[in-house]
């Protein structure tokens, strides 16, 4: 399949969208269409997009979040395949060509992902995301030529310990992705983890091990707040487990991952002396999970604030 639509959700990124669109427009395999969904931007984004004329299809919607914006673009797309790229990320010039080659060799793919590097303050990370994978993550993947591979069975359990699949690295078979509702909008804005987990249960899924995408990290990224990220991911895992019966065989792994993330969030809250958050998060932990150290932090968090702060200072030495 070489008929590929590109969907770009955008919100207040007029300063970065130019680099993203330039990379898309200069692909060695040109896209069939470029759909940019403006998620109610309040900056110069509408004017910036208008300057591209008929080189893009611009759709403006009320501010609803990136998941809704991606789904809007997905529904408007005409290509057999749909590739997603966030408005601050950048593809290498052969990204679409490599993705198309996967479907040529493996026509039944549901989706495919590429490896990436982090772009922060203009500097590219030396290591790719896949290089940070723990042992065993790729063991179940059938290898293909050209740094490619295919997962032919669910890899949801592996994603609980390592999530290397981001929206800007994802291409899908349009009809199949539409049939399952596209991006899961039932979770918080900015959260693609639920969709990645659902995709993991729908093999075959292709993987390109060569980094083909530059993912930009900056202060507005959710991942900058590790406490919020851990709590958000735990909530997503709870949602996915409750809404997807195919996850039942690995329920124990889901529950262990939720507890681990919530306990990490509790430690972060304690470090910044947010004792109310410590108490709230502790209540979410199963009774058999908290370590002695965690239980002591909860006890300190139950003291009057001045006493708790003093005790926390001693305990943290």
Protein backbone atom coordinates (compact mmCIF):
# COMPACT_ATOMS: atom_id res chain seq x y z
CA UNK A 1 0.00 0.00 0.00
CA UNK A 2 1.47 3.36 -1.04
CA UNK A 3 -1.70 5.42 -0.60
CA UNK A 4 -0.86 7.14 2.70
CA UNK A 5 -2.69 9.99 4.41
CA UNK A 6 -0.87 11.99 7.09
CA UNK A 7 -2.74 13.40 10.09
CA UNK A 8 -1.21 16.20 12.18
CA UNK A 9 -3.06 17.42 15.30
CA UNK A 10 -2.02 20.88 16.41
CA UNK A 11 -2.71 23.21 19.31
CA UNK A 12 -0.82 26.52 19.65
CA UNK A 13 2.29 25.34 17.82
CA UNK A 14 2.62 27.97 15.10
CA UNK A 15 6.32 28.28 15.91
CA UNK A 16 7.07 24.60 15.36
CA UNK A 17 4.61 23.36 12.73
CA UNK A 18 6.74 24.65 9.84
CA UNK A 19 9.58 22.20 10.48
CA UNK A 20 7.10 19.35 10.92
CA UNK A 21 5.25 20.07 7.67
CA UNK A 22 8.45 20.62 5.70
CA UNK A 23 9.65 17.15 6.69
CA UNK A 24 6.31 15.63 5.68
CA UNK A 25 6.21 17.44 2.34
CA UNK A 26 9.75 16.33 1.45
CA UNK A 27 9.26 12.61 2.00
CA UNK A 28 10.87 10.38 -0.61
CA UNK A 29 7.43 8.76 -0.88
CA UNK A 30 5.06 11.74 -0.95
CA UNK A 31 1.87 11.39 1.09
CA UNK A 32 -1.48 11.25 -0.68
CA UNK A 33 -2.71 14.09 1.52
CA UNK A 34 -1.74 16.04 4.63
CA UNK A 35 -4.58 16.71 7.07
CA UNK A 36 -3.85 19.20 9.83
CA UNK A 37 -6.47 19.31 12.58
CA UNK A 38 -6.34 22.59 14.51
CA UNK A 39 -7.63 21.79 17.97
CA UNK A 40 -8.97 25.28 18.71
CA UNK A 41 -5.61 27.10 18.72
CA UNK A 42 -5.56 30.61 20.17
CA UNK A 43 -2.19 31.68 18.74
CA UNK A 44 -1.17 32.33 15.12
CA UNK A 45 -1.72 28.71 14.09
CA UNK A 46 -4.79 29.37 11.85
CA UNK A 47 -2.94 32.02 9.86
CA UNK A 48 0.16 29.85 9.64
CA UNK A 49 -1.85 26.95 8.26
CA UNK A 50 -3.72 29.19 5.81
CA UNK A 51 -0.40 30.17 4.25
CA UNK A 52 0.07 26.60 3.03
CA UNK A 53 -2.97 26.89 0.78
CA UNK A 54 -4.04 23.67 -0.90
CA UNK A 55 -0.83 21.84 0.06
CA UNK A 56 -2.65 20.75 3.22
CA UNK A 57 -6.23 20.11 4.31
CA UNK A 58 -6.80 22.22 7.40
CA UNK A 59 -9.68 21.27 9.71
CA UNK A 60 -10.51 23.42 12.73
CA UNK A 61 -12.41 22.03 15.73
CA UNK A 62 -13.25 23.34 19.20
CA UNK A 63 -10.52 22.53 21.68
CA UNK A 64 -11.11 18.87 22.52
CA UNK A 65 -7.65 17.34 23.00
CA UNK A 66 -5.17 15.58 20.78
CA UNK A 67 -6.99 12.22 20.80
CA UNK A 68 -10.16 13.77 19.41
CA UNK A 69 -8.14 15.76 16.89
CA UNK A 70 -6.35 12.63 15.64
CA UNK A 71 -9.66 10.80 15.29
CA UNK A 72 -11.12 13.73 13.37
CA UNK A 73 -8.24 13.51 10.93
CA UNK A 74 -8.54 9.73 10.75
CA UNK A 75 -12.21 9.98 9.80
CA UNK A 76 -11.43 12.56 7.12
CA UNK A 77 -8.55 10.58 5.62
CA UNK A 78 -8.84 8.86 2.25
CA UNK A 79 -5.64 6.82 2.22
CA UNK A 80 -5.43 3.08 2.75
CA UNK A 81 -2.84 3.83 5.42
CA UNK A 82 -2.80 6.73 7.87
CA UNK A 83 0.39 8.01 9.48
CA UNK A 84 0.24 10.32 12.50
CA UNK A 85 2.72 13.05 13.35
CA UNK A 86 2.43 15.49 16.25
CA UNK A 87 2.95 19.14 15.38
CA UNK A 88 6.32 19.44 17.12
CA UNK A 89 7.91 16.19 15.91
CA UNK A 90 9.93 15.58 12.76
CA UNK A 91 10.18 12.58 10.41
CA UNK A 92 13.30 11.49 8.58
CA UNK A 93 12.88 11.81 4.82
CA UNK A 94 12.27 8.09 4.17
CA UNK A 95 9.78 7.50 6.99
CA UNK A 96 6.76 6.95 4.75
CA UNK A 97 8.76 4.91 2.26
CA UNK A 98 9.92 2.50 4.96
CA UNK A 99 6.41 2.22 6.40
CA UNK A 100 4.98 1.46 2.95
CA UNK A 101 7.63 -1.25 2.46
CA UNK A 102 6.39 -2.99 5.62
CA UNK A 103 2.88 -3.30 4.19
CA UNK A 104 4.28 -4.44 0.84
CA UNK A 105 6.06 -7.33 2.55
CA UNK A 106 3.40 -7.93 5.23
CA UNK A 107 0.04 -6.89 3.70
CA UNK A 108 -2.03 -7.96 6.72
CA UNK A 109 -0.50 -5.55 9.22
CA UNK A 110 -2.88 -3.73 11.56
CA UNK A 111 -0.33 -1.06 12.49
CA UNK A 112 3.39 -0.34 12.55
CA UNK A 113 5.78 1.75 14.64
CA UNK A 114 9.26 3.16 14.09
CA UNK A 115 12.10 3.78 16.48
CA UNK A 116 12.95 7.39 17.44
CA UNK A 117 15.43 9.72 19.09
CA UNK A 118 14.71 12.56 21.51
CA UNK A 119 15.22 16.15 20.35
CA UNK A 120 15.70 18.51 23.31
CA UNK A 121 16.83 22.15 23.04
CA UNK A 122 18.05 21.53 19.52
CA UNK A 123 20.24 18.60 20.56
CA UNK A 124 19.58 15.05 19.37
CA UNK A 125 20.03 12.17 21.81
CA UNK A 126 22.81 9.79 20.91
CA UNK A 127 20.79 6.73 21.85
CA UNK A 128 17.51 5.73 20.27
CA UNK A 129 14.47 4.78 22.33
CA UNK A 130 14.72 1.11 21.40
CA UNK A 131 18.29 0.95 22.71
CA UNK A 132 16.94 1.56 26.22
CA UNK A 133 14.67 -1.49 26.08
CA UNK A 134 15.13 -4.04 28.89
CA UNK A 135 16.21 -7.58 27.96
CA UNK A 136 13.55 -9.73 26.33
CA UNK A 137 11.32 -7.00 24.93
CA UNK A 138 12.01 -7.93 21.32
CA UNK A 139 12.33 -11.70 21.75
CA UNK A 140 8.87 -12.47 20.35
CA UNK A 141 9.33 -10.35 17.23
CA UNK A 142 9.86 -12.10 13.89
CA UNK A 143 12.74 -10.35 12.16
CA UNK A 144 12.57 -9.06 8.60
CA UNK A 145 15.22 -7.59 6.35
CA UNK A 146 16.14 -3.95 6.67
CA UNK A 147 15.89 -3.44 10.44
CA UNK A 148 12.24 -4.42 10.45
CA UNK A 149 10.18 -6.95 12.34
CA UNK A 150 6.66 -8.14 13.12
CA UNK A 151 4.90 -9.00 16.37
CA UNK A 152 2.57 -11.88 15.52
CA UNK A 153 1.10 -12.27 19.01
CA UNK A 154 0.06 -9.83 21.73
CA UNK A 155 2.93 -7.94 23.36
CA UNK A 156 0.78 -6.03 25.88
CA UNK A 157 2.66 -7.53 28.84
CA UNK A 158 5.94 -6.15 27.48
CA UNK A 159 4.48 -2.64 27.21
CA UNK A 160 3.82 -2.60 30.95
CA UNK A 161 7.55 -2.41 31.60
CA UNK A 162 8.64 -0.46 28.50
CA UNK A 163 6.52 1.72 26.21
CA UNK A 164 8.55 2.75 23.12
CA UNK A 165 5.63 3.35 20.74
CA UNK A 166 4.64 7.02 20.36
CA UNK A 167 1.94 8.60 18.13
CA UNK A 168 4.41 10.26 15.73
CA UNK A 169 5.95 6.86 15.01
CA UNK A 170 2.65 5.13 14.27
CA UNK A 171 1.06 4.20 10.94
CA UNK A 172 -2.19 2.23 10.75
CA UNK A 173 -4.37 0.45 8.23
CA UNK A 174 -7.18 3.00 8.10
CA UNK A 175 -10.22 0.74 7.89
CA UNK A 176 -9.06 -1.63 10.64
CA UNK A 177 -8.19 1.26 12.96
CA UNK A 178 -11.55 2.93 12.33
CA UNK A 179 -13.35 -0.34 13.06
CA UNK A 180 -12.06 -0.31 16.66
CA UNK A 181 -12.81 3.38 17.16
CA UNK A 182 -9.39 4.85 16.41
CA UNK A 183 -7.66 6.54 19.33
CA UNK A 184 -9.18 5.77 22.71
CA UNK A 185 -10.81 9.07 23.74
CA UNK A 186 -12.01 7.73 27.10
CA UNK A 187 -8.71 8.59 28.76
CA UNK A 188 -7.14 11.96 29.56
CA UNK A 189 -5.94 14.32 26.89
CA UNK A 190 -2.37 13.75 25.84
CA UNK A 191 -2.47 10.05 26.77
CA UNK A 192 -1.80 7.56 23.98
CA UNK A 193 -0.88 4.67 26.31
CA UNK A 194 -4.37 3.13 26.17
CA UNK A 195 -4.30 3.04 22.37
CA UNK A 196 -0.79 1.55 22.34
CA UNK A 197 -1.94 -1.23 24.69
CA UNK A 198 -5.04 -1.95 22.62
CA UNK A 199 -2.93 -2.05 19.46
CA UNK A 200 -0.62 -4.57 21.14
CA UNK A 201 -3.51 -7.04 21.33
CA UNK A 202 -4.25 -6.79 17.60
CA UNK A 203 -1.32 -8.39 15.79
CA UNK A 204 0.29 -8.46 13.38
CA UNK A 205 2.03 -5.19 14.23
CA UNK A 206 5.16 -4.10 12.39
CA UNK A 207 8.24 -2.50 13.90
CA UNK A 208 11.09 -0.54 12.30
CA UNK A 209 14.16 -0.69 14.52
CA UNK A 210 15.97 2.16 12.77
CA UNK A 211 15.16 5.59 14.31
CA UNK A 212 13.07 7.43 11.74
CA UNK A 213 11.49 10.10 13.95
CA UNK A 214 12.70 12.95 16.13
CA UNK A 215 10.43 13.35 19.16
CA UNK A 216 10.70 16.82 20.66
CA UNK A 217 10.77 17.17 24.45
CA UNK A 218 10.13 20.52 26.11
CA UNK A 219 8.65 21.85 29.37
CA UNK A 220 5.05 21.51 28.17
CA UNK A 221 5.39 17.74 27.76
CA UNK A 222 3.42 15.78 30.34
CA UNK A 223 6.44 13.55 30.95
CA UNK A 224 8.15 16.47 32.66
CA UNK A 225 5.92 15.84 35.70
CA UNK A 226 6.79 12.30 36.77
CA UNK A 227 4.25 12.20 39.61
CA UNK A 228 1.39 13.20 37.34
CA UNK A 229 2.64 10.84 34.62
CA UNK A 230 2.76 7.84 36.97
CA UNK A 231 -0.71 8.51 38.33
CA UNK A 232 -2.03 9.04 34.82
CA UNK A 233 -0.49 5.82 33.53
CA UNK A 234 -1.90 3.87 36.49
CA UNK A 235 -5.37 5.24 35.72
CA UNK A 236 -4.96 4.24 32.08
CA UNK A 237 -3.96 0.71 33.06
CA UNK A 238 -7.02 0.45 35.29
CA UNK A 239 -9.23 1.64 32.40
CA UNK A 240 -7.67 -0.73 29.87
CA UNK A 241 -7.94 -3.71 32.20
CA UNK A 242 -11.60 -2.96 32.91
CA UNK A 243 -12.57 -2.33 29.28
CA UNK A 244 -10.53 -4.93 27.40
CA UNK A 245 -11.28 -8.60 28.23
CA UNK A 246 -8.19 -9.72 26.26
CA UNK A 247 -6.04 -8.35 29.12
CA UNK A 248 -7.56 -10.70 31.72
CA UNK A 249 -4.82 -13.37 31.39
CA UNK A 250 -2.23 -10.78 32.47
CA UNK A 251 -4.36 -9.07 35.14
CA UNK A 252 -1.71 -9.72 37.78
CA UNK A 253 0.91 -7.90 35.73
CA UNK A 254 -1.45 -4.96 35.21
CA UNK A 255 -2.18 -4.73 38.93
CA UNK A 256 1.51 -4.93 39.84
CA UNK A 257 2.34 -2.19 37.33
CA UNK A 258 -0.45 0.05 38.65
CA UNK A 259 0.80 -0.37 42.21
CA UNK A 260 4.41 0.32 41.21
CA UNK A 261 3.47 3.54 39.41
CA UNK A 262 1.28 4.77 42.26
CA UNK A 263 3.96 4.04 44.83
CA UNK A 264 6.47 6.02 42.73
CA UNK A 265 3.99 8.91 42.59
CA UNK A 266 3.62 8.77 46.37
CA UNK A 267 7.38 9.10 46.85
CA UNK A 268 7.43 12.10 44.50
CA UNK A 269 4.59 13.75 46.43
CA UNK A 270 6.39 13.15 49.73
CA UNK A 271 9.58 14.70 48.37
CA UNK A 272 7.73 17.93 47.63
CA UNK A 273 5.85 17.78 50.96
CA UNK A 274 2.43 17.35 49.39
CA UNK A 275 1.13 15.28 52.27
CA UNK A 276 -2.48 15.35 51.07
CA UNK A 277 -1.36 13.69 47.81
CA UNK A 278 0.61 11.12 49.83
CA UNK A 279 -2.52 10.18 51.77
CA UNK A 280 -4.70 10.06 48.66
CA UNK A 281 -2.24 7.95 46.68
CA UNK A 282 -1.58 5.56 49.56
CA UNK A 283 -5.32 4.80 49.69
CA UNK A 284 -5.08 3.51 46.10
CA UNK A 285 -2.42 0.91 46.97
CA UNK A 286 -3.38 -2.70 47.74
CA UNK A 287 -2.74 -3.57 51.39
CA UNK A 288 -0.04 -6.10 50.51
CA UNK A 289 1.99 -3.73 48.33
CA UNK A 290 3.42 -0.78 50.30
CA UNK A 291 6.97 -1.18 51.59
CA UNK A 292 7.86 -0.30 55.17
CA UNK A 293 9.36 2.94 53.88
CA UNK A 294 6.13 3.81 52.09
CA UNK A 295 4.07 3.07 55.20
CA UNK A 296 6.31 5.36 57.28
CA UNK A 297 5.80 8.14 54.75
CA UNK A 298 2.05 7.66 54.99
CA UNK A 299 2.22 7.86 58.79
CA UNK A 300 4.23 11.08 58.59
CA UNK A 301 1.73 12.49 56.09
CA UNK A 302 -1.02 12.01 58.67
CA UNK A 303 0.58 14.42 61.13
CA UNK A 304 -0.21 18.14 61.32
CA UNK A 305 1.70 19.86 58.54
CA UNK A 306 4.43 21.48 60.67
CA UNK A 307 5.19 18.20 62.41
CA UNK A 308 4.99 16.26 59.14
CA UNK A 309 7.43 18.65 57.45
CA UNK A 310 9.90 18.34 60.30
CA UNK A 311 9.61 14.56 60.40
CA UNK A 312 9.97 14.36 56.62
CA UNK A 313 13.16 16.39 56.76
CA UNK A 314 14.67 13.96 59.29
CA UNK A 315 13.38 10.88 57.45
CA UNK A 316 14.78 12.03 54.10
CA UNK A 317 18.33 12.53 55.37
